[in-house]
PDB file of N, CA and C in Angstrom:
ATOM      1  N   UNK A   1      76.573  82.357 127.031  1.00  0.00           N
ATOM      2  CA  UNK A   1      76.052  82.699 125.734  1.00  0.00           C
ATOM      3  C   UNK A   1      76.050  81.438 124.883  1.00  0.00           C
ATOM      4  N   UNK A   2      75.009  81.224 124.140  1.00  0.00           N
ATOM      5  CA  UNK A   2      74.869  80.035 123.314  1.00  0.00           C
ATOM      6  C   UNK A   2      74.747  80.422 121.850  1.00  0.00           C
ATOM      7  N   UNK A   3      75.436  79.677 120.988  1.00  0.00           N
ATOM      8  CA  UNK A   3      75.363  79.916 119.550  1.00  0.00           C
ATOM      9  C   UNK A   3      74.381  78.934 118.942  1.00  0.00           C
ATOM     10  N   UNK A   4      73.920  79.219 117.720  1.00  0.00           N
ATOM     11  CA  UNK A   4      72.991  78.305 117.061  1.00  0.00           C
ATOM     12  C   UNK A   4      73.545  76.892 116.887  1.00  0.00           C
ATOM     13  N   UNK A   5      74.855  76.755 116.786  1.00  0.00           N
ATOM     14  CA  UNK A   5      75.435  75.421 116.616  1.00  0.00           C
ATOM     15  C   UNK A   5      75.616  74.688 117.943  1.00  0.00           C
ATOM     16  N   UNK A   6      75.197  75.327 119.038  1.00  0.00           N
ATOM     17  CA  UNK A   6      75.245  74.692 120.341  1.00  0.00           C
ATOM     18  C   UNK A   6      76.461  75.035 121.179  1.00  0.00           C
ATOM     19  N   UNK A   7      77.455  75.704 120.592  1.00  0.00           N
ATOM     20  CA  UNK A   7      78.644  76.085 121.361  1.00  0.00           C
ATOM     21  C   UNK A   7      78.247  77.131 122.400  1.00  0.00           C
ATOM     22  N   UNK A   8      78.843  77.028 123.563  1.00  0.00           N
ATOM     23  CA  UNK A   8      78.515  77.931 124.655  1.00  0.00           C
ATOM     24  C   UNK A   8      79.741  78.777 124.992  1.00  0.00           C
ATOM     25  N   UNK A   9      79.515  80.108 125.195  1.00  0.00           N
ATOM     26  CA  UNK A   9      80.577  80.973 125.660  1.00  0.00           C
ATOM     27  C   UNK A   9      81.601  81.374 124.616  1.00  0.00           C
ATOM     28  N   UNK A  10      81.309  81.156 123.353  1.00  0.00           N
ATOM     29  CA  UNK A  10      82.267  81.469 122.299  1.00  0.00           C
ATOM     30  C   UNK A  10      81.609  82.404 121.300  1.00  0.00           C
ATOM     31  N   UNK A  11      82.271  83.532 121.054  1.00  0.00           N
ATOM     32  CA  UNK A  11      81.775  84.462 120.049  1.00  0.00           C
ATOM     33  C   UNK A  11      82.172  83.942 118.671  1.00  0.00           C
ATOM     34  N   UNK A  12      81.311  84.119 117.684  1.00  0.00           N
ATOM     35  CA  UNK A  12      81.689  83.689 116.340  1.00  0.00           C
ATOM     36  C   UNK A  12      82.820  84.564 115.793  1.00  0.00           C
ATOM     37  N   UNK A  13      83.681  83.974 114.984  1.00  0.00           N
ATOM     38  CA  UNK A  13      84.793  84.701 114.380  1.00  0.00           C
ATOM     39  C   UNK A  13      84.253  85.573 113.268  1.00  0.00           C
ATOM     40  N   UNK A  14      84.681  86.800 113.235  1.00  0.00           N
ATOM     41  CA  UNK A  14      84.260  87.748 112.223  1.00  0.00           C
ATOM     42  C   UNK A  14      85.315  87.780 111.124  1.00  0.00           C
ATOM     43  N   UNK A  15      85.095  87.011 110.080  1.00  0.00           N
ATOM     44  CA  UNK A  15      86.064  86.900 108.989  1.00  0.00           C
ATOM     45  C   UNK A  15      86.257  88.233 108.271  1.00  0.00           C
ATOM     46  N   UNK A  16      85.217  89.019 108.158  1.00  0.00           N
ATOM     47  CA  UNK A  16      85.357  90.330 107.511  1.00  0.00           C
ATOM     48  C   UNK A  16      86.261  91.243 108.335  1.00  0.00           C
ATOM     49  N   UNK A  17      86.099  91.218 109.639  1.00  0.00           N
ATOM     50  CA  UNK A  17      86.956  91.998 110.529  1.00  0.00           C
ATOM     51  C   UNK A  17      88.406  91.558 110.369  1.00  0.00           C
ATOM     52  N   UNK A  18      88.635  90.258 110.374  1.00  0.00           N
ATOM     53  CA  UNK A  18      89.988  89.722 110.246  1.00  0.00           C
ATOM     54  C   UNK A  18      90.604  90.100 108.902  1.00  0.00           C
ATOM     55  N   UNK A  19      89.836  89.998 107.837  1.00  0.00           N
ATOM     56  CA  UNK A  19      90.341  90.353 106.509  1.00  0.00           C
ATOM     57  C   UNK A  19      90.682  91.843 106.432  1.00  0.00           C
ATOM     58  N   UNK A  20      89.866  92.677 107.057  1.00  0.00           N
ATOM     59  CA  UNK A  20      90.136  94.119 107.063  1.00  0.00           C
ATOM     60  C   UNK A  20      91.422  94.419 107.823  1.00  0.00           C
ATOM     61  N   UNK A  21      91.652  93.753 108.950  1.00  0.00           N
ATOM     62  CA  UNK A  21      92.883  93.975 109.709  1.00  0.00           C
ATOM     63  C   UNK A  21      94.103  93.518 108.908  1.00  0.00           C
ATOM     64  N   UNK A  22      93.994  92.377 108.246  1.00  0.00           N
ATOM     65  CA  UNK A  22      95.103  91.885 107.424  1.00  0.00           C
ATOM     66  C   UNK A  22      95.383  92.841 106.268  1.00  0.00           C
ATOM     67  N   UNK A  23      94.336  93.360 105.650  1.00  0.00           N
ATOM     68  CA  UNK A  23      94.506  94.315 104.548  1.00  0.00           C
ATOM     69  C   UNK A  23      95.185  95.582 105.049  1.00  0.00           C
ATOM     70  N   UNK A  24      94.829  96.039 106.247  1.00  0.00           N
ATOM     71  CA  UNK A  24      95.466  97.225 106.822  1.00  0.00           C
ATOM     72  C   UNK A  24      96.950  96.982 107.067  1.00  0.00           C
ATOM     73  N   UNK A  25      97.299  95.802 107.564  1.00  0.00           N
ATOM     74  CA  UNK A  25      98.704  95.473 107.811  1.00  0.00           C
ATOM     75  C   UNK A  25      99.483  95.463 106.497  1.00  0.00           C
ATOM     76  N   UNK A  26      98.923  94.845 105.491  1.00  0.00           N
ATOM     77  CA  UNK A  26      99.586  94.782 104.190  1.00  0.00           C
ATOM     78  C   UNK A  26      99.706  96.166 103.562  1.00  0.00           C
ATOM     79  N   UNK A  27      98.675  96.967 103.699  1.00  0.00           N
ATOM     80  CA  UNK A  27      98.709  98.330 103.168  1.00  0.00           C
ATOM     81  C   UNK A  27      99.779  99.155 103.885  1.00  0.00           C
ATOM     82  N   UNK A  28      99.874  99.005 105.184  1.00  0.00           N
ATOM     83  CA  UNK A  28     100.903  99.709 105.952  1.00  0.00           C
ATOM     84  C   UNK A  28     102.291  99.362 105.429  1.00  0.00           C
ATOM     85  N   UNK A  29     102.554  98.059 105.274  1.00  0.00           N
ATOM     86  CA  UNK A  29     103.870  97.652 104.783  1.00  0.00           C
ATOM     87  C   UNK A  29     104.101  98.144 103.362  1.00  0.00           C
ATOM     88  N   UNK A  30     103.102  98.032 102.514  1.00  0.00           N
ATOM     89  CA  UNK A  30     103.247  98.476 101.134  1.00  0.00           C
ATOM     90  C   UNK A  30     103.497  99.972 101.022  1.00  0.00           C
ATOM     91  N   UNK A  31     102.922 100.739 101.923  1.00  0.00           N
ATOM     92  CA  UNK A  31     103.083 102.188 101.903  1.00  0.00           C
ATOM     93  C   UNK A  31     104.433 102.617 102.473  1.00  0.00           C
ATOM     94  N   UNK A  32     104.826 102.046 103.601  1.00  0.00           N
ATOM     95  CA  UNK A  32     106.013 102.503 104.310  1.00  0.00           C
ATOM     96  C   UNK A  32     107.273 101.679 104.028  1.00  0.00           C
ATOM     97  N   UNK A  33     107.106 100.414 103.715  1.00  0.00           N
ATOM     98  CA  UNK A  33     108.246  99.514 103.542  1.00  0.00           C
ATOM     99  C   UNK A  33     108.022  98.572 102.352  1.00  0.00           C
ATOM    100  N   UNK A  34     107.800  99.114 101.162  1.00  0.00           N
ATOM    101  CA  UNK A  34     107.424  98.272 100.023  1.00  0.00           C
ATOM    102  C   UNK A  34     108.460  97.218  99.640  1.00  0.00           C
ATOM    103  N   UNK A  35     109.725  97.485  99.929  1.00  0.00           N
ATOM    104  CA  UNK A  35     110.749  96.507  99.549  1.00  0.00           C
ATOM    105  C   UNK A  35     110.602  95.187 100.292  1.00  0.00           C
ATOM    106  N   UNK A  36     109.985  95.194 101.467  1.00  0.00           N
ATOM    107  CA  UNK A  36     109.821  93.940 102.204  1.00  0.00           C
ATOM    108  C   UNK A  36     108.847  92.997 101.510  1.00  0.00           C
ATOM    109  N   UNK A  37     107.977  93.533 100.683  1.00  0.00           N
ATOM    110  CA  UNK A  37     106.991  92.693 100.004  1.00  0.00           C
ATOM    111  C   UNK A  37     107.628  91.834  98.923  1.00  0.00           C
ATOM    112  N   UNK A  38     108.860  92.182  98.532  1.00  0.00           N
ATOM    113  CA  UNK A  38     109.600  91.365  97.576  1.00  0.00           C
ATOM    114  C   UNK A  38     110.401  90.271  98.263  1.00  0.00           C
ATOM    115  N   UNK A  39     110.326  90.202  99.574  1.00  0.00           N
ATOM    116  CA  UNK A  39     111.040  89.195 100.359  1.00  0.00           C
ATOM    117  C   UNK A  39     110.042  88.424 101.220  1.00  0.00           C
ATOM    118  N   UNK A  40     109.080  87.745 100.597  1.00  0.00           N
ATOM    119  CA  UNK A  40     108.000  87.121 101.382  1.00  0.00           C
ATOM    120  C   UNK A  40     108.457  86.032 102.337  1.00  0.00           C
ATOM    121  N   UNK A  41     109.584  85.365 102.063  1.00  0.00           N
ATOM    122  CA  UNK A  41     110.027  84.290 102.971  1.00  0.00           C
ATOM    123  C   UNK A  41     110.215  84.804 104.388  1.00  0.00           C
ATOM    124  N   UNK A  42     110.629  86.063 104.512  1.00  0.00           N
ATOM    125  CA  UNK A  42     110.835  86.655 105.828  1.00  0.00           C
ATOM    126  C   UNK A  42     109.505  86.778 106.569  1.00  0.00           C
ATOM    127  N   UNK A  43     108.445  86.990 105.829  1.00  0.00           N
ATOM    128  CA  UNK A  43     107.131  87.211 106.435  1.00  0.00           C
ATOM    129  C   UNK A  43     106.316  85.927 106.606  1.00  0.00           C
ATOM    130  N   UNK A  44     106.753  84.845 105.981  1.00  0.00           N
ATOM    131  CA  UNK A  44     105.969  83.605 105.986  1.00  0.00           C
ATOM    132  C   UNK A  44     105.600  83.130 107.384  1.00  0.00           C
ATOM    133  N   UNK A  45     106.570  83.099 108.286  1.00  0.00           N
ATOM    134  CA  UNK A  45     106.322  82.607 109.649  1.00  0.00           C
ATOM    135  C   UNK A  45     105.242  83.444 110.340  1.00  0.00           C
ATOM    136  N   UNK A  46     105.317  84.744 110.169  1.00  0.00           N
ATOM    137  CA  UNK A  46     104.365  85.636 110.837  1.00  0.00           C
ATOM    138  C   UNK A  46     102.989  85.559 110.175  1.00  0.00           C
ATOM    139  N   UNK A  47     102.984  85.368 108.882  1.00  0.00           N
ATOM    140  CA  UNK A  47     101.712  85.185 108.176  1.00  0.00           C
ATOM    141  C   UNK A  47     101.041  83.896 108.634  1.00  0.00           C
ATOM    142  N   UNK A  48     101.838  82.864 108.827  1.00  0.00           N
ATOM    143  CA  UNK A  48     101.299  81.585 109.312  1.00  0.00           C
ATOM    144  C   UNK A  48     100.749  81.724 110.730  1.00  0.00           C
ATOM    145  N   UNK A  49     101.443  82.465 111.576  1.00  0.00           N
ATOM    146  CA  UNK A  49     100.950  82.697 112.947  1.00  0.00           C
ATOM    147  C   UNK A  49      99.585  83.399 112.920  1.00  0.00           C
ATOM    148  N   UNK A  50      99.455  84.403 112.061  1.00  0.00           N
ATOM    149  CA  UNK A  50      98.175  85.117 111.948  1.00  0.00           C
ATOM    150  C   UNK A  50      97.092  84.174 111.438  1.00  0.00           C
ATOM    151  N   UNK A  51      97.457  83.359 110.468  1.00  0.00           N
ATOM    152  CA  UNK A  51      96.486  82.403 109.924  1.00  0.00           C
ATOM    153  C   UNK A  51      96.033  81.416 111.004  1.00  0.00           C
ATOM    154  N   UNK A  52      96.971  80.920 111.789  1.00  0.00           N
ATOM    155  CA  UNK A  52      96.618  79.979 112.860  1.00  0.00           C
ATOM    156  C   UNK A  52      95.686  80.628 113.883  1.00  0.00           C
ATOM    157  N   UNK A  53      95.945  81.877 114.228  1.00  0.00           N
ATOM    158  CA  UNK A  53      95.049  82.574 115.161  1.00  0.00           C
ATOM    159  C   UNK A  53      93.666  82.746 114.551  1.00  0.00           C
ATOM    160  N   UNK A  54      93.613  83.019 113.255  1.00  0.00           N
ATOM    161  CA  UNK A  54      92.320  83.169 112.577  1.00  0.00           C
ATOM    162  C   UNK A  54      91.578  81.835 112.514  1.00  0.00           C
ATOM    163  N   UNK A  55      92.303  80.751 112.291  1.00  0.00           N
ATOM    164  CA  UNK A  55      91.666  79.435 112.209  1.00  0.00           C
ATOM    165  C   UNK A  55      91.081  79.035 113.553  1.00  0.00           C
ATOM    166  N   UNK A  56      91.772  79.397 114.638  1.00  0.00           N
ATOM    167  CA  UNK A  56      91.212  79.109 115.974  1.00  0.00           C
ATOM    168  C   UNK A  56      89.878  79.821 116.118  1.00  0.00           C
ATOM    169  N   UNK A  57      89.820  81.040 115.600  1.00  0.00           N
ATOM    170  CA  UNK A  57      88.619  81.774 115.319  1.00  0.00           C
ATOM    171  C   UNK A  57      87.609  82.112 116.385  1.00  0.00           C
ATOM    172  N   UNK A  58      87.944  82.139 117.637  1.00  0.00           N
ATOM    173  CA  UNK A  58      86.962  82.650 118.587  1.00  0.00           C
ATOM    174  C   UNK A  58      87.387  84.048 119.013  1.00  0.00           C
ATOM    175  N   UNK A  59      86.525  84.758 119.661  1.00  0.00           N
ATOM    176  CA  UNK A  59      86.803  86.159 119.987  1.00  0.00           C
ATOM    177  C   UNK A  59      88.018  86.309 120.895  1.00  0.00           C
ATOM    178  N   UNK A  60      88.311  85.314 121.693  1.00  0.00           N
ATOM    179  CA  UNK A  60      89.492  85.371 122.543  1.00  0.00           C
ATOM    180  C   UNK A  60      90.776  85.387 121.745  1.00  0.00           C
ATOM    181  N   UNK A  61      90.711  84.898 120.524  1.00  0.00           N
ATOM    182  CA  UNK A  61      91.897  84.872 119.691  1.00  0.00           C
ATOM    183  C   UNK A  61      92.056  86.137 118.861  1.00  0.00           C
ATOM    184  N   UNK A  62      91.146  87.087 118.997  1.00  0.00           N
ATOM    185  CA  UNK A  62      91.331  88.356 118.286  1.00  0.00           C
ATOM    186  C   UNK A  62      92.608  89.029 118.765  1.00  0.00           C
ATOM    187  N   UNK A  63      92.880  88.964 120.055  1.00  0.00           N
ATOM    188  CA  UNK A  63      94.113  89.547 120.572  1.00  0.00           C
ATOM    189  C   UNK A  63      95.328  88.830 119.993  1.00  0.00           C
ATOM    190  N   UNK A  64      95.273  87.510 119.926  1.00  0.00           N
ATOM    191  CA  UNK A  64      96.381  86.743 119.348  1.00  0.00           C
ATOM    192  C   UNK A  64      96.532  87.066 117.867  1.00  0.00           C
ATOM    193  N   UNK A  65      95.427  87.235 117.178  1.00  0.00           N
ATOM    194  CA  UNK A  65      95.458  87.573 115.759  1.00  0.00           C
ATOM    195  C   UNK A  65      96.092  88.947 115.552  1.00  0.00           C
ATOM    196  N   UNK A  66      95.674  89.932 116.343  1.00  0.00           N
ATOM    197  CA  UNK A  66      96.243  91.275 116.232  1.00  0.00           C
ATOM    198  C   UNK A  66      97.732  91.270 116.576  1.00  0.00           C
ATOM    199  N   UNK A  67      98.123  90.523 117.575  1.00  0.00           N
ATOM    200  CA  UNK A  67      99.544  90.432 117.928  1.00  0.00           C
ATOM    201  C   UNK A  67     100.335  89.788 116.789  1.00  0.00           C
ATOM    202  N   UNK A  68      99.777  88.763 116.160  1.00  0.00           N
ATOM    203  CA  UNK A  68     100.452  88.135 115.021  1.00  0.00           C
ATOM    204  C   UNK A  68     100.605  89.132 113.872  1.00  0.00           C
ATOM    205  N   UNK A  69      99.595  89.954 113.642  1.00  0.00           N
ATOM    206  CA  UNK A  69      99.711  90.974 112.592  1.00  0.00           C
ATOM    207  C   UNK A  69     100.746  92.033 112.959  1.00  0.00           C
ATOM    208  N   UNK A  70     100.823  92.397 114.238  1.00  0.00           N
ATOM    209  CA  UNK A  70     101.850  93.355 114.662  1.00  0.00           C
ATOM    210  C   UNK A  70     103.244  92.767 114.431  1.00  0.00           C
ATOM    211  N   UNK A  71     103.422  91.510 114.746  1.00  0.00           N
ATOM    212  CA  UNK A  71     104.714  90.848 114.503  1.00  0.00           C
ATOM    213  C   UNK A  71     105.018  90.800 113.008  1.00  0.00           C
ATOM    214  N   UNK A  72     104.002  90.566 112.203  1.00  0.00           N
ATOM    215  CA  UNK A  72     104.138  90.555 110.748  1.00  0.00           C
ATOM    216  C   UNK A  72     104.633  91.914 110.255  1.00  0.00           C
ATOM    217  N   UNK A  73     104.032  92.985 110.774  1.00  0.00           N
ATOM    218  CA  UNK A  73     104.441  94.328 110.354  1.00  0.00           C
ATOM    219  C   UNK A  73     105.851  94.651 110.847  1.00  0.00           C
ATOM    220  N   UNK A  74     106.190  94.246 112.074  1.00  0.00           N
ATOM    221  CA  UNK A  74     107.545  94.495 112.579  1.00  0.00           C
ATOM    222  C   UNK A  74     108.580  93.738 111.753  1.00  0.00           C
ATOM    223  N   UNK A  75     108.270  92.502 111.394  1.00  0.00           N
ATOM    224  CA  UNK A  75     109.203  91.713 110.586  1.00  0.00           C
ATOM    225  C   UNK A  75     109.385  92.354 109.211  1.00  0.00           C
ATOM    226  N   UNK A  76     108.306  92.850 108.631  1.00  0.00           N
ATOM    227  CA  UNK A  76     108.398  93.532 107.340  1.00  0.00           C
ATOM    228  C   UNK A  76     109.229  94.799 107.437  1.00  0.00           C
ATOM    229  N   UNK A  77     108.995  95.561 108.488  1.00  0.00           N
ATOM    230  CA  UNK A  77     109.775  96.787 108.704  1.00  0.00           C
ATOM    231  C   UNK A  77     111.251  96.460 108.890  1.00  0.00           C
ATOM    232  N   UNK A  78     111.535  95.476 109.720  1.00  0.00           N
ATOM    233  CA  UNK A  78     112.925  95.106 109.977  1.00  0.00           C
ATOM    234  C   UNK A  78     113.619  94.646 108.697  1.00  0.00           C
ATOM    235  N   UNK A  79     112.928  93.870 107.895  1.00  0.00           N
ATOM    236  CA  UNK A  79     113.510  93.397 106.631  1.00  0.00           C
ATOM    237  C   UNK A  79     113.739  94.560 105.673  1.00  0.00           C
ATOM    238  N   UNK A  80     112.794  95.481 105.581  1.00  0.00           N
ATOM    239  CA  UNK A  80     112.957  96.641 104.706  1.00  0.00           C
ATOM    240  C   UNK A  80     114.150  97.485 105.149  1.00  0.00           C
ATOM    241  N   UNK A  81     114.298  97.679 106.437  1.00  0.00           N
ATOM    242  CA  UNK A  81     115.426  98.465 106.936  1.00  0.00           C
ATOM    243  C   UNK A  81     116.752  97.746 106.674  1.00  0.00           C
ATOM    244  N   UNK A  82     116.760  96.425 106.789  1.00  0.00           N
ATOM    245  CA  UNK A  82     117.951  95.655 106.460  1.00  0.00           C
ATOM    246  C   UNK A  82     118.298  95.840 104.989  1.00  0.00           C
ATOM    247  N   UNK A  83     117.301  95.764 104.120  1.00  0.00           N
ATOM    248  CA  UNK A  83     117.508  95.958 102.685  1.00  0.00           C
ATOM    249  C   UNK A  83     118.032  97.362 102.419  1.00  0.00           C
ATOM    250  N   UNK A  84     117.451  98.340 103.072  1.00  0.00           N
ATOM    251  CA  UNK A  84     117.881  99.737 102.858  1.00  0.00           C
ATOM    252  C   UNK A  84     119.317  99.948 103.318  1.00  0.00           C
ATOM    253  N   UNK A  85     119.687  99.361 104.436  1.00  0.00           N
ATOM    254  CA  UNK A  85     121.070  99.495 104.910  1.00  0.00           C
ATOM    255  C   UNK A  85     122.046  98.861 103.925  1.00  0.00           C
ATOM    256  N   UNK A  86     121.632  97.735 103.353  1.00  0.00           N
ATOM    257  CA  UNK A  86     122.488  97.048 102.372  1.00  0.00           C
ATOM    258  C   UNK A  86     122.638  97.821 101.079  1.00  0.00           C
ATOM    259  N   UNK A  87     121.640  98.623 100.745  1.00  0.00           N
ATOM    260  CA  UNK A  87     121.670  99.396  99.500  1.00  0.00           C
ATOM    261  C   UNK A  87     122.467 100.683  99.665  1.00  0.00           C
ATOM    262  N   UNK A  88     122.714 101.082 100.900  1.00  0.00           N
ATOM    263  CA  UNK A  88     123.401 102.371 101.135  1.00  0.00           C
ATOM    264  C   UNK A  88     124.896 102.254 101.000  1.00  0.00           C
TER     265      UNK A  88
END
């Protein structure tokens, strides 16, 4: 497959798709684990991983991007549960 810019075998990155997935991840955390959003340092590493996968930006990295978002959500959940245990 050839793209207009001459690249062969690479699907263009769908930034709208990526933004929608990121918004879904953030919405999930905000709905189920809102306290983690007040502790962004915990999520920074995972947010950076997702960003790096998005910057690589070919269709093969969609799986890496989704995995980075899953790790982001797990880290947020884990941090929220840690906060909740500390408050109890």
